[in-house]
């Protein structure tokens, strides 16, 4: 069983920053492609940022480029989502996800609508006030 553990959510004013963290309990993040998704009330879950197996390649969904960054520290066994210049519309539950299937990893990294990964964390709430 793959257990993902997220941390770092919270409440922030518009224009502020937050950093989310994720690790794979009892395993190495470098063995998985990793990603961050978010889901706002009444909306579908959407991909935010992806990182390839091993951490060599990253991708950010177009609408968030320039504000969000994904990174991976294999020594610390952590994946991070740095979120800057936050807006109220960024308010959502953010989920860390992982997979080892190349097809699902590629689809997620391409932000194919509806593409999801296989393993999920419990989610961490991000609330941005205006």
Protein backbone atom coordinates (compact mmCIF):
# COMPACT_ATOMS: atom_id res chain seq x y z
CA UNK A 1 0.00 0.00 0.00
CA UNK A 2 1.26 3.43 -0.97
CA UNK A 3 0.63 6.11 1.65
CA UNK A 4 1.09 9.75 0.74
CA UNK A 5 1.37 12.33 3.50
CA UNK A 6 0.81 16.02 2.74
CA UNK A 7 1.35 19.10 4.85
CA UNK A 8 1.56 22.84 4.52
CA UNK A 9 -1.94 24.01 3.71
CA UNK A 10 -3.61 26.89 5.48
CA UNK A 11 -5.18 30.30 5.10
CA UNK A 12 -3.44 33.22 3.46
CA UNK A 13 -4.36 36.61 2.08
CA UNK A 14 -4.33 37.25 -1.64
CA UNK A 15 -0.81 37.86 -2.87
CA UNK A 16 0.70 35.60 -0.24
CA UNK A 17 2.60 32.36 -0.60
CA UNK A 18 2.34 28.83 0.69
CA UNK A 19 4.46 25.73 0.25
CA UNK A 20 2.89 22.30 0.30
CA UNK A 21 4.94 19.21 1.09
CA UNK A 22 4.38 15.55 0.32
CA UNK A 23 6.21 12.33 1.10
CA UNK A 24 5.58 8.65 0.47
CA UNK A 25 5.59 6.84 3.80
CA UNK A 26 7.90 3.84 3.79
CA UNK A 27 8.93 4.32 0.18
CA UNK A 28 10.90 6.68 -2.03
CA UNK A 29 9.27 9.52 -3.98
CA UNK A 30 11.89 8.93 -6.66
CA UNK A 31 10.22 5.62 -7.54
CA UNK A 32 7.02 7.35 -8.60
CA UNK A 33 5.87 10.10 -10.85
CA UNK A 34 4.41 12.65 -8.48
CA UNK A 35 1.80 15.31 -8.87
CA UNK A 36 -0.37 17.90 -7.21
CA UNK A 37 -4.06 18.21 -7.97
CA UNK A 38 -6.71 20.49 -6.57
CA UNK A 39 -10.45 20.41 -6.23
CA UNK A 40 -12.64 23.36 -5.41
CA UNK A 41 -16.23 22.92 -4.18
CA UNK A 42 -18.51 21.99 -7.05
CA UNK A 43 -15.64 21.56 -9.48
CA UNK A 44 -13.77 18.58 -10.85
CA UNK A 45 -10.35 17.65 -9.62
CA UNK A 46 -7.71 19.20 -11.84
CA UNK A 47 -4.01 18.68 -12.30
CA UNK A 48 -1.81 21.49 -11.06
CA UNK A 49 1.80 20.35 -11.30
CA UNK A 50 3.62 17.13 -12.14
CA UNK A 51 7.11 15.75 -11.79
CA UNK A 52 8.47 12.74 -13.60
CA UNK A 53 9.76 9.57 -11.96
CA UNK A 54 13.10 10.47 -10.42
CA UNK A 55 12.34 14.19 -10.53
CA UNK A 56 14.00 15.01 -13.82
CA UNK A 57 11.15 16.79 -15.57
CA UNK A 58 8.42 19.08 -14.30
CA UNK A 59 5.22 20.45 -15.73
CA UNK A 60 2.82 23.14 -14.54
CA UNK A 61 -0.64 23.60 -15.96
CA UNK A 62 -0.70 26.63 -18.25
CA UNK A 63 -2.96 28.80 -16.11
CA UNK A 64 -0.60 28.56 -13.13
CA UNK A 65 2.75 28.98 -14.84
CA UNK A 66 4.76 31.75 -13.30
CA UNK A 67 3.08 31.41 -9.92
CA UNK A 68 3.37 27.71 -8.97
CA UNK A 69 6.50 25.57 -8.93
CA UNK A 70 6.94 21.87 -8.24
CA UNK A 71 10.20 20.44 -6.97
CA UNK A 72 11.54 17.24 -5.52
CA UNK A 73 14.27 16.59 -2.97
CA UNK A 74 15.24 12.94 -3.23
CA UNK A 75 17.59 13.15 -0.25
CA UNK A 76 14.75 14.45 1.94
CA UNK A 77 12.23 12.19 0.18
CA UNK A 78 9.89 15.13 -0.35
CA UNK A 79 7.95 16.76 -3.15
CA UNK A 80 7.01 20.41 -2.83
CA UNK A 81 4.49 22.74 -4.40
CA UNK A 82 5.51 26.38 -4.03
CA UNK A 83 2.56 28.68 -4.58
CA UNK A 84 3.18 32.40 -4.96
CA UNK A 85 0.95 35.39 -5.66
CA UNK A 86 -2.02 33.40 -4.47
CA UNK A 87 -5.50 34.42 -5.57
CA UNK A 88 -8.92 33.69 -4.05
CA UNK A 89 -9.62 31.38 -6.99
CA UNK A 90 -6.73 29.18 -5.84
CA UNK A 91 -8.85 28.20 -2.84
CA UNK A 92 -9.28 24.43 -2.97
CA UNK A 93 -8.35 21.14 -1.40
CA UNK A 94 -4.92 20.22 -2.69
CA UNK A 95 -3.95 16.59 -3.13
CA UNK A 96 -0.60 14.94 -3.60
CA UNK A 97 -0.69 11.95 -5.92
CA UNK A 98 1.70 9.30 -7.22
CA UNK A 99 1.88 6.53 -9.76
CA UNK A 100 4.27 4.06 -11.32
CA UNK A 101 2.35 3.45 -14.56
CA UNK A 102 4.08 5.26 -17.43
CA UNK A 103 0.85 5.82 -19.33
CA UNK A 104 -0.97 7.42 -16.42
CA UNK A 105 2.10 9.46 -15.57
CA UNK A 106 2.36 10.79 -19.12
CA UNK A 107 -1.34 11.62 -19.32
CA UNK A 108 -1.21 13.47 -16.01
CA UNK A 109 1.93 15.36 -17.00
CA UNK A 110 0.19 16.37 -20.24
CA UNK A 111 -2.79 17.59 -18.19
CA UNK A 112 -5.19 15.49 -20.21
CA UNK A 113 -8.67 16.36 -18.86
CA UNK A 114 -9.70 13.72 -16.36
CA UNK A 115 -6.24 12.16 -16.14
CA UNK A 116 -5.59 11.05 -12.60
CA UNK A 117 -2.86 9.14 -10.80
CA UNK A 118 -3.37 5.97 -8.80
CA UNK A 119 -2.28 6.84 -5.27
CA UNK A 120 -3.59 9.80 -3.25
CA UNK A 121 -2.96 11.69 -0.07
CA UNK A 122 -5.70 12.84 2.23
CA UNK A 123 -5.61 16.40 0.94
CA UNK A 124 -4.69 19.70 2.51
CA UNK A 125 -6.92 22.77 2.42
CA UNK A 126 -5.68 26.05 0.96
CA UNK A 127 -7.85 29.10 1.51
CA UNK A 128 -6.99 32.46 -0.01
CA UNK A 129 -8.91 35.49 1.19
CA UNK A 130 -9.30 38.71 -0.76
